[in-house]
């Protein structure tokens, strides 16, 4: 959610944006990270 919010804020402001999610073996409770 944080990654998506930052990306949408950038898009709305006309910035170039990328967002890539990365999940561990389980989505809830496993490791998760994203790059913005």
ModelCIF file with pLDDT and N, C-alpha, C, O atoms, coordinates in Angstrom:
data_MODEL
#
_entry.id   MODEL 
#
_entity.id                         1 
_entity.type                       polymer 
_entity.pdbx_number_of_molecules   1 
#
_entity_poly.entity_id                      1 
_entity_poly.type                           'polypeptide(L)' 
_entity_poly.nstd_linkage                   no 
_entity_poly.nstd_monomer                   no 
_entity_poly.pdbx_seq_one_letter_code       
;(UNK)(UNK)(UNK)(UNK)(UNK)(UNK)(UNK)(UNK)(UNK)(UNK)(UNK)(UNK)(UNK)(UNK)(UNK)(UNK)
(UNK)(UNK)(UNK)(UNK)(UNK)(UNK)(UNK)(UNK)(UNK)(UNK)(UNK)(UNK)(UNK)(UNK)(UNK)(UNK)
(UNK)(UNK)(UNK)(UNK)
;
_entity_poly.pdbx_seq_one_letter_code_can   XXXXXXXXXXXXXXXXXXXXXXXXXXXXXXXXXXXX 
_entity_poly.pdbx_strand_id                 A 
#
loop_
_entity_poly_seq.entity_id 
_entity_poly_seq.num 
_entity_poly_seq.mon_id 
_entity_poly_seq.hetero 
1 1  UNK n 
1 2  UNK n 
1 3  UNK n 
1 4  UNK n 
1 5  UNK n 
1 6  UNK n 
1 7  UNK n 
1 8  UNK n 
1 9  UNK n 
1 10 UNK n 
1 11 UNK n 
1 12 UNK n 
1 13 UNK n 
1 14 UNK n 
1 15 UNK n 
1 16 UNK n 
1 17 UNK n 
1 18 UNK n 
1 19 UNK n 
1 20 UNK n 
1 21 UNK n 
1 22 UNK n 
1 23 UNK n 
1 24 UNK n 
1 25 UNK n 
1 26 UNK n 
1 27 UNK n 
1 28 UNK n 
1 29 UNK n 
1 30 UNK n 
1 31 UNK n 
1 32 UNK n 
1 33 UNK n 
1 34 UNK n 
1 35 UNK n 
1 36 UNK n 
#
_struct_asym.id          A 
_struct_asym.entity_id   1 
#
loop_
_ma_qa_metric.id 
_ma_qa_metric.mode 
_ma_qa_metric.name 
_ma_qa_metric.software_group_id 
_ma_qa_metric.type 
1 global pLDDT . pLDDT 
2 local  pLDDT . pLDDT 
#
_ma_qa_metric_global.metric_id      1 
_ma_qa_metric_global.metric_value   87.33 
_ma_qa_metric_global.model_id       1 
_ma_qa_metric_global.ordinal_id     1 
#
loop_
_ma_qa_metric_local.label_asym_id 
_ma_qa_metric_local.label_comp_id 
_ma_qa_metric_local.label_seq_id 
_ma_qa_metric_local.metric_id 
_ma_qa_metric_local.metric_value 
_ma_qa_metric_local.model_id 
_ma_qa_metric_local.ordinal_id 
A UNK 1  2 95.00 1 1  
A UNK 2  2 96.00 1 2  
A UNK 3  2 96.00 1 3  
A UNK 4  2 96.00 1 4  
A UNK 5  2 96.00 1 5  
A UNK 6  2 96.00 1 6  
A UNK 7  2 96.00 1 7  
A UNK 8  2 95.00 1 8  
A UNK 9  2 94.00 1 9  
A UNK 10 2 94.00 1 10 
A UNK 11 2 94.00 1 11 
A UNK 12 2 91.00 1 12 
A UNK 13 2 92.00 1 13 
A UNK 14 2 93.00 1 14 
A UNK 15 2 95.00 1 15 
A UNK 16 2 97.00 1 16 
A UNK 17 2 97.00 1 17 
A UNK 18 2 97.00 1 18 
A UNK 19 2 97.00 1 19 
A UNK 20 2 96.00 1 20 
A UNK 21 2 93.00 1 21 
A UNK 22 2 90.00 1 22 
A UNK 23 2 77.00 1 23 
A UNK 24 2 67.00 1 24 
A UNK 25 2 62.00 1 25 
A UNK 26 2 54.00 1 26 
A UNK 27 2 54.00 1 27 
A UNK 28 2 58.00 1 28 
A UNK 29 2 60.00 1 29 
A UNK 30 2 69.00 1 30 
A UNK 31 2 79.00 1 31 
A UNK 32 2 91.00 1 32 
A UNK 33 2 95.00 1 33 
A UNK 34 2 97.00 1 34 
A UNK 35 2 97.00 1 35 
A UNK 36 2 98.00 1 36 
#
loop_
_atom_site.group_PDB 
_atom_site.id 
_atom_site.type_symbol 
_atom_site.label_atom_id 
_atom_site.label_alt_id 
_atom_site.label_comp_id 
_atom_site.label_asym_id 
_atom_site.label_entity_id 
_atom_site.label_seq_id 
_atom_site.pdbx_PDB_ins_code 
_atom_site.Cartn_x 
_atom_site.Cartn_y 
_atom_site.Cartn_z 
_atom_site.occupancy 
_atom_site.B_iso_or_equiv 
_atom_site.pdbx_formal_charge 
_atom_site.auth_seq_id 
_atom_site.auth_comp_id 
_atom_site.auth_asym_id 
_atom_site.auth_atom_id 
_atom_site.pdbx_PDB_model_num 
ATOM 1   N N  . UNK A 1 1  ? 0.826  -1.200  0.000   1.00 95.00 ? 1  UNK A N  1 
ATOM 2   C CA . UNK A 1 1  ? 0.000  0.000   0.000   1.00 95.00 ? 1  UNK A CA 1 
ATOM 3   C C  . UNK A 1 1  ? 0.866  1.258   0.000   1.00 95.00 ? 1  UNK A C  1 
ATOM 4   O O  . UNK A 1 1  ? 0.589  2.202   -0.740  1.00 95.00 ? 1  UNK A O  1 
ATOM 5   N N  . UNK A 1 2  ? 1.914  1.275   0.827   1.00 96.00 ? 2  UNK A N  1 
ATOM 6   C CA . UNK A 1 2  ? 2.792  2.445   0.860   1.00 96.00 ? 2  UNK A CA 1 
ATOM 7   C C  . UNK A 1 2  ? 3.459  2.674   -0.488  1.00 96.00 ? 2  UNK A C  1 
ATOM 8   O O  . UNK A 1 2  ? 3.548  3.805   -0.966  1.00 96.00 ? 2  UNK A O  1 
ATOM 9   N N  . UNK A 1 3  ? 3.929  1.585   -1.096  1.00 96.00 ? 3  UNK A N  1 
ATOM 10  C CA . UNK A 1 3  ? 4.553  1.703   -2.409  1.00 96.00 ? 3  UNK A CA 1 
ATOM 11  C C  . UNK A 1 3  ? 3.584  2.221   -3.458  1.00 96.00 ? 3  UNK A C  1 
ATOM 12  O O  . UNK A 1 3  ? 3.936  3.066   -4.280  1.00 96.00 ? 3  UNK A O  1 
ATOM 13  N N  . UNK A 1 4  ? 2.372  1.712   -3.424  1.00 96.00 ? 4  UNK A N  1 
ATOM 14  C CA . UNK A 1 4  ? 1.367  2.164   -4.383  1.00 96.00 ? 4  UNK A CA 1 
ATOM 15  C C  . UNK A 1 4  ? 1.008  3.635   -4.164  1.00 96.00 ? 4  UNK A C  1 
ATOM 16  O O  . UNK A 1 4  ? 0.861  4.388   -5.126  1.00 96.00 ? 4  UNK A O  1 
ATOM 17  N N  . UNK A 1 5  ? 0.868  4.042   -2.911  1.00 96.00 ? 5  UNK A N  1 
ATOM 18  C CA . UNK A 1 5  ? 0.547  5.443   -2.625  1.00 96.00 ? 5  UNK A CA 1 
ATOM 19  C C  . UNK A 1 5  ? 1.625  6.376   -3.161  1.00 96.00 ? 5  UNK A C  1 
ATOM 20  O O  . UNK A 1 5  ? 1.318  7.396   -3.779  1.00 96.00 ? 5  UNK A O  1 
ATOM 21  N N  . UNK A 1 6  ? 2.885  6.029   -2.926  1.00 96.00 ? 6  UNK A N  1 
ATOM 22  C CA . UNK A 1 6  ? 3.974  6.859   -3.427  1.00 96.00 ? 6  UNK A CA 1 
ATOM 23  C C  . UNK A 1 6  ? 3.953  6.917   -4.961  1.00 96.00 ? 6  UNK A C  1 
ATOM 24  O O  . UNK A 1 6  ? 4.176  7.968   -5.561  1.00 96.00 ? 6  UNK A O  1 
ATOM 25  N N  . UNK A 1 7  ? 3.682  5.773   -5.572  1.00 96.00 ? 7  UNK A N  1 
ATOM 26  C CA . UNK A 1 7  ? 3.647  5.715   -7.040  1.00 96.00 ? 7  UNK A CA 1 
ATOM 27  C C  . UNK A 1 7  ? 2.503  6.545   -7.602  1.00 96.00 ? 7  UNK A C  1 
ATOM 28  O O  . UNK A 1 7  ? 2.705  7.322   -8.535  1.00 96.00 ? 7  UNK A O  1 
ATOM 29  N N  . UNK A 1 8  ? 1.293  6.392   -7.044  1.00 95.00 ? 8  UNK A N  1 
ATOM 30  C CA . UNK A 1 8  ? 0.152  7.178   -7.516  1.00 95.00 ? 8  UNK A CA 1 
ATOM 31  C C  . UNK A 1 8  ? 0.366  8.673   -7.295  1.00 95.00 ? 8  UNK A C  1 
ATOM 32  O O  . UNK A 1 8  ? -0.009 9.484   -8.141  1.00 95.00 ? 8  UNK A O  1 
ATOM 33  N N  . UNK A 1 9  ? 0.970  9.042   -6.161  1.00 94.00 ? 9  UNK A N  1 
ATOM 34  C CA . UNK A 1 9  ? 1.253  10.456  -5.914  1.00 94.00 ? 9  UNK A CA 1 
ATOM 35  C C  . UNK A 1 9  ? 2.209  10.985  -6.982  1.00 94.00 ? 9  UNK A C  1 
ATOM 36  O O  . UNK A 1 9  ? 2.028  12.089  -7.497  1.00 94.00 ? 9  UNK A O  1 
ATOM 37  N N  . UNK A 1 10 ? 3.222  10.193  -7.307  1.00 94.00 ? 10 UNK A N  1 
ATOM 38  C CA . UNK A 1 10 ? 4.152  10.596  -8.357  1.00 94.00 ? 10 UNK A CA 1 
ATOM 39  C C  . UNK A 1 10 ? 3.485  10.723  -9.714  1.00 94.00 ? 10 UNK A C  1 
ATOM 40  O O  . UNK A 1 10 ? 3.733  11.679  -10.449 1.00 94.00 ? 10 UNK A O  1 
ATOM 41  N N  . UNK A 1 11 ? 2.637  9.755   -10.045 1.00 94.00 ? 11 UNK A N  1 
ATOM 42  C CA . UNK A 1 11 ? 1.937  9.804   -11.332 1.00 94.00 ? 11 UNK A CA 1 
ATOM 43  C C  . UNK A 1 11 ? 1.043  11.029  -11.420 1.00 94.00 ? 11 UNK A C  1 
ATOM 44  O O  . UNK A 1 11 ? 1.004  11.706  -12.447 1.00 94.00 ? 11 UNK A O  1 
ATOM 45  N N  . UNK A 1 12 ? 0.317  11.313  -10.326 1.00 91.00 ? 12 UNK A N  1 
ATOM 46  C CA . UNK A 1 12 ? -0.576 12.471  -10.322 1.00 91.00 ? 12 UNK A CA 1 
ATOM 47  C C  . UNK A 1 12 ? 0.195  13.769  -10.498 1.00 91.00 ? 12 UNK A C  1 
ATOM 48  O O  . UNK A 1 12 ? -0.323 14.732  -11.066 1.00 91.00 ? 12 UNK A O  1 
ATOM 49  N N  . UNK A 1 13 ? 1.436  13.798  -10.011 1.00 92.00 ? 13 UNK A N  1 
ATOM 50  C CA . UNK A 1 13 ? 2.273  14.998  -10.129 1.00 92.00 ? 13 UNK A CA 1 
ATOM 51  C C  . UNK A 1 13 ? 3.057  15.034  -11.437 1.00 92.00 ? 13 UNK A C  1 
ATOM 52  O O  . UNK A 1 13 ? 3.855  15.945  -11.655 1.00 92.00 ? 13 UNK A O  1 
ATOM 53  N N  . UNK A 1 14 ? 2.837  14.049  -12.309 1.00 93.00 ? 14 UNK A N  1 
ATOM 54  C CA . UNK A 1 14 ? 3.500  14.046  -13.609 1.00 93.00 ? 14 UNK A CA 1 
ATOM 55  C C  . UNK A 1 14 ? 4.921  13.517  -13.594 1.00 93.00 ? 14 UNK A C  1 
ATOM 56  O O  . UNK A 1 14 ? 5.682  13.752  -14.532 1.00 93.00 ? 14 UNK A O  1 
ATOM 57  N N  . UNK A 1 15 ? 5.289  12.799  -12.530 1.00 95.00 ? 15 UNK A N  1 
ATOM 58  C CA . UNK A 1 15 ? 6.638  12.226  -12.452 1.00 95.00 ? 15 UNK A CA 1 
ATOM 59  C C  . UNK A 1 15 ? 6.692  10.906  -13.217 1.00 95.00 ? 15 UNK A C  1 
ATOM 60  O O  . UNK A 1 15 ? 5.665  10.281  -13.479 1.00 95.00 ? 15 UNK A O  1 
ATOM 61  N N  . UNK A 1 16 ? 7.899  10.500  -13.566 1.00 97.00 ? 16 UNK A N  1 
ATOM 62  C CA . UNK A 1 16 ? 8.130  9.161   -14.112 1.00 97.00 ? 16 UNK A CA 1 
ATOM 63  C C  . UNK A 1 16 ? 8.153  8.232   -12.900 1.00 97.00 ? 16 UNK A C  1 
ATOM 64  O O  . UNK A 1 16 ? 8.776  8.558   -11.890 1.00 97.00 ? 16 UNK A O  1 
ATOM 65  N N  . UNK A 1 17 ? 7.492  7.088   -12.984 1.00 97.00 ? 17 UNK A N  1 
ATOM 66  C CA . UNK A 1 17 ? 7.324  6.231   -11.810 1.00 97.00 ? 17 UNK A CA 1 
ATOM 67  C C  . UNK A 1 17 ? 7.480  4.760   -12.149 1.00 97.00 ? 17 UNK A C  1 
ATOM 68  O O  . UNK A 1 17 ? 7.163  4.323   -13.255 1.00 97.00 ? 17 UNK A O  1 
ATOM 69  N N  . UNK A 1 18 ? 7.974  4.006   -11.177 1.00 97.00 ? 18 UNK A N  1 
ATOM 70  C CA . UNK A 1 18 ? 7.924  2.545   -11.262 1.00 97.00 ? 18 UNK A CA 1 
ATOM 71  C C  . UNK A 1 18 ? 7.653  2.006   -9.861  1.00 97.00 ? 18 UNK A C  1 
ATOM 72  O O  . UNK A 1 18 ? 8.020  2.616   -8.857  1.00 97.00 ? 18 UNK A O  1 
ATOM 73  N N  . UNK A 1 19 ? 7.006  0.854   -9.823  1.00 97.00 ? 19 UNK A N  1 
ATOM 74  C CA . UNK A 1 19 ? 6.680  0.180   -8.565  1.00 97.00 ? 19 UNK A CA 1 
ATOM 75  C C  . UNK A 1 19 ? 6.799  -1.309  -8.821  1.00 97.00 ? 19 UNK A C  1 
ATOM 76  O O  . UNK A 1 19 ? 6.132  -1.845  -9.706  1.00 97.00 ? 19 UNK A O  1 
ATOM 77  N N  . UNK A 1 20 ? 7.644  -1.981  -8.054  1.00 96.00 ? 20 UNK A N  1 
ATOM 78  C CA . UNK A 1 20 ? 7.816  -3.426  -8.215  1.00 96.00 ? 20 UNK A CA 1 
ATOM 79  C C  . UNK A 1 20 ? 7.656  -4.095  -6.854  1.00 96.00 ? 20 UNK A C  1 
ATOM 80  O O  . UNK A 1 20 ? 8.447  -3.851  -5.943  1.00 96.00 ? 20 UNK A O  1 
ATOM 81  N N  . UNK A 1 21 ? 6.617  -4.950  -6.715  1.00 93.00 ? 21 UNK A N  1 
ATOM 82  C CA . UNK A 1 21 ? 6.434  -5.684  -5.466  1.00 93.00 ? 21 UNK A CA 1 
ATOM 83  C C  . UNK A 1 21 ? 7.243  -6.975  -5.441  1.00 93.00 ? 21 UNK A C  1 
ATOM 84  O O  . UNK A 1 21 ? 7.557  -7.548  -6.484  1.00 93.00 ? 21 UNK A O  1 
ATOM 85  N N  . UNK A 1 22 ? 7.577  -7.423  -4.229  1.00 90.00 ? 22 UNK A N  1 
ATOM 86  C CA . UNK A 1 22 ? 8.273  -8.691  -4.048  1.00 90.00 ? 22 UNK A CA 1 
ATOM 87  C C  . UNK A 1 22 ? 7.724  -9.350  -2.782  1.00 90.00 ? 22 UNK A C  1 
ATOM 88  O O  . UNK A 1 22 ? 7.723  -8.753  -1.706  1.00 90.00 ? 22 UNK A O  1 
ATOM 89  N N  . UNK A 1 23 ? 7.259  -10.584 -2.931  1.00 77.00 ? 23 UNK A N  1 
ATOM 90  C CA . UNK A 1 23 ? 6.662  -11.306 -1.814  1.00 77.00 ? 23 UNK A CA 1 
ATOM 91  C C  . UNK A 1 23 ? 7.503  -12.517 -1.457  1.00 77.00 ? 23 UNK A C  1 
ATOM 92  O O  . UNK A 1 23 ? 8.170  -13.099 -2.312  1.00 77.00 ? 23 UNK A O  1 
ATOM 93  N N  . UNK A 1 24 ? 7.464  -12.895 -0.171  1.00 67.00 ? 24 UNK A N  1 
ATOM 94  C CA . UNK A 1 24 ? 8.075  -14.139 0.272   1.00 67.00 ? 24 UNK A CA 1 
ATOM 95  C C  . UNK A 1 24 ? 7.129  -15.296 -0.016  1.00 67.00 ? 24 UNK A C  1 
ATOM 96  O O  . UNK A 1 24 ? 6.189  -15.134 -0.794  1.00 67.00 ? 24 UNK A O  1 
ATOM 97  N N  . UNK A 1 25 ? 7.354  -16.468 0.594   1.00 62.00 ? 25 UNK A N  1 
ATOM 98  C CA . UNK A 1 25 ? 6.552  -17.642 0.299   1.00 62.00 ? 25 UNK A CA 1 
ATOM 99  C C  . UNK A 1 25 ? 5.072  -17.495 0.626   1.00 62.00 ? 25 UNK A C  1 
ATOM 100 O O  . UNK A 1 25 ? 4.228  -18.065 -0.065  1.00 62.00 ? 25 UNK A O  1 
ATOM 101 N N  . UNK A 1 26 ? 4.745  -16.735 1.673   1.00 54.00 ? 26 UNK A N  1 
ATOM 102 C CA . UNK A 1 26 ? 3.349  -16.462 1.974   1.00 54.00 ? 26 UNK A CA 1 
ATOM 103 C C  . UNK A 1 26 ? 3.151  -14.958 1.860   1.00 54.00 ? 26 UNK A C  1 
ATOM 104 O O  . UNK A 1 26 ? 4.061  -14.182 2.153   1.00 54.00 ? 26 UNK A O  1 
ATOM 105 N N  . UNK A 1 27 ? 1.977  -14.552 1.439   1.00 54.00 ? 27 UNK A N  1 
ATOM 106 C CA . UNK A 1 27 ? 1.745  -13.115 1.331   1.00 54.00 ? 27 UNK A CA 1 
ATOM 107 C C  . UNK A 1 27 ? 1.539  -12.496 2.710   1.00 54.00 ? 27 UNK A C  1 
ATOM 108 O O  . UNK A 1 27 ? 2.239  -11.544 3.054   1.00 54.00 ? 27 UNK A O  1 
ATOM 109 N N  . UNK A 1 28 ? 0.604  -13.004 3.507   1.00 58.00 ? 28 UNK A N  1 
ATOM 110 C CA . UNK A 1 28 ? 0.356  -12.454 4.834   1.00 58.00 ? 28 UNK A CA 1 
ATOM 111 C C  . UNK A 1 28 ? 1.268  -13.158 5.822   1.00 58.00 ? 28 UNK A C  1 
ATOM 112 O O  . UNK A 1 28 ? 1.183  -14.374 5.994   1.00 58.00 ? 28 UNK A O  1 
ATOM 113 N N  . UNK A 1 29 ? 2.140  -12.399 6.472   1.00 60.00 ? 29 UNK A N  1 
ATOM 114 C CA . UNK A 1 29 ? 3.044  -12.957 7.462   1.00 60.00 ? 29 UNK A CA 1 
ATOM 115 C C  . UNK A 1 29 ? 4.422  -13.283 6.908   1.00 60.00 ? 29 UNK A C  1 
ATOM 116 O O  . UNK A 1 29 ? 5.382  -13.358 7.675   1.00 60.00 ? 29 UNK A O  1 
ATOM 117 N N  . UNK A 1 30 ? 4.550  -13.479 5.605   1.00 69.00 ? 30 UNK A N  1 
ATOM 118 C CA . UNK A 1 30 ? 5.863  -13.707 5.004   1.00 69.00 ? 30 UNK A CA 1 
ATOM 119 C C  . UNK A 1 30 ? 6.541  -12.379 4.754   1.00 69.00 ? 30 UNK A C  1 
ATOM 120 O O  . UNK A 1 30 ? 5.966  -11.325 5.024   1.00 69.00 ? 30 UNK A O  1 
ATOM 121 N N  . UNK A 1 31 ? 7.741  -12.419 4.248   1.00 79.00 ? 31 UNK A N  1 
ATOM 122 C CA . UNK A 1 31 ? 8.438  -11.173 3.962   1.00 79.00 ? 31 UNK A CA 1 
ATOM 123 C C  . UNK A 1 31 ? 7.864  -10.524 2.713   1.00 79.00 ? 31 UNK A C  1 
ATOM 124 O O  . UNK A 1 31 ? 7.424  -11.206 1.788   1.00 79.00 ? 31 UNK A O  1 
ATOM 125 N N  . UNK A 1 32 ? 7.874  -9.232  2.701   1.00 91.00 ? 32 UNK A N  1 
ATOM 126 C CA . UNK A 1 32 ? 7.379  -8.483  1.556   1.00 91.00 ? 32 UNK A CA 1 
ATOM 127 C C  . UNK A 1 32 ? 8.178  -7.195  1.450   1.00 91.00 ? 32 UNK A C  1 
ATOM 128 O O  . UNK A 1 32 ? 8.533  -6.583  2.457   1.00 91.00 ? 32 UNK A O  1 
ATOM 129 N N  . UNK A 1 33 ? 8.453  -6.798  0.232   1.00 95.00 ? 33 UNK A N  1 
ATOM 130 C CA . UNK A 1 33 ? 9.058  -5.487  0.022   1.00 95.00 ? 33 UNK A CA 1 
ATOM 131 C C  . UNK A 1 33 ? 8.672  -4.998  -1.355  1.00 95.00 ? 33 UNK A C  1 
ATOM 132 O O  . UNK A 1 33 ? 8.242  -5.773  -2.210  1.00 95.00 ? 33 UNK A O  1 
ATOM 133 N N  . UNK A 1 34 ? 8.828  -3.730  -1.553  1.00 97.00 ? 34 UNK A N  1 
ATOM 134 C CA . UNK A 1 34 ? 8.593  -3.177  -2.879  1.00 97.00 ? 34 UNK A CA 1 
ATOM 135 C C  . UNK A 1 34 ? 9.587  -2.062  -3.116  1.00 97.00 ? 34 UNK A C  1 
ATOM 136 O O  . UNK A 1 34 ? 10.083 -1.425  -2.186  1.00 97.00 ? 34 UNK A O  1 
ATOM 137 N N  . UNK A 1 35 ? 9.856  -1.850  -4.370  1.00 97.00 ? 35 UNK A N  1 
ATOM 138 C CA . UNK A 1 35 ? 10.734 -0.769  -4.785  1.00 97.00 ? 35 UNK A CA 1 
ATOM 139 C C  . UNK A 1 35 ? 9.941  0.258   -5.559  1.00 97.00 ? 35 UNK A C  1 
ATOM 140 O O  . UNK A 1 35 ? 9.151  -0.091  -6.437  1.00 97.00 ? 35 UNK A O  1 
ATOM 141 N N  . UNK A 1 36 ? 10.144 1.508   -5.244  1.00 98.00 ? 36 UNK A N  1 
ATOM 142 C CA . UNK A 1 36 ? 9.468  2.616   -5.918  1.00 98.00 ? 36 UNK A CA 1 
ATOM 143 C C  . UNK A 1 36 ? 10.536 3.566   -6.425  1.00 98.00 ? 36 UNK A C  1 
ATOM 144 O O  . UNK A 1 36 ? 10.215 4.587   -7.033  1.00 98.00 ? 36 UNK A O  1 
#
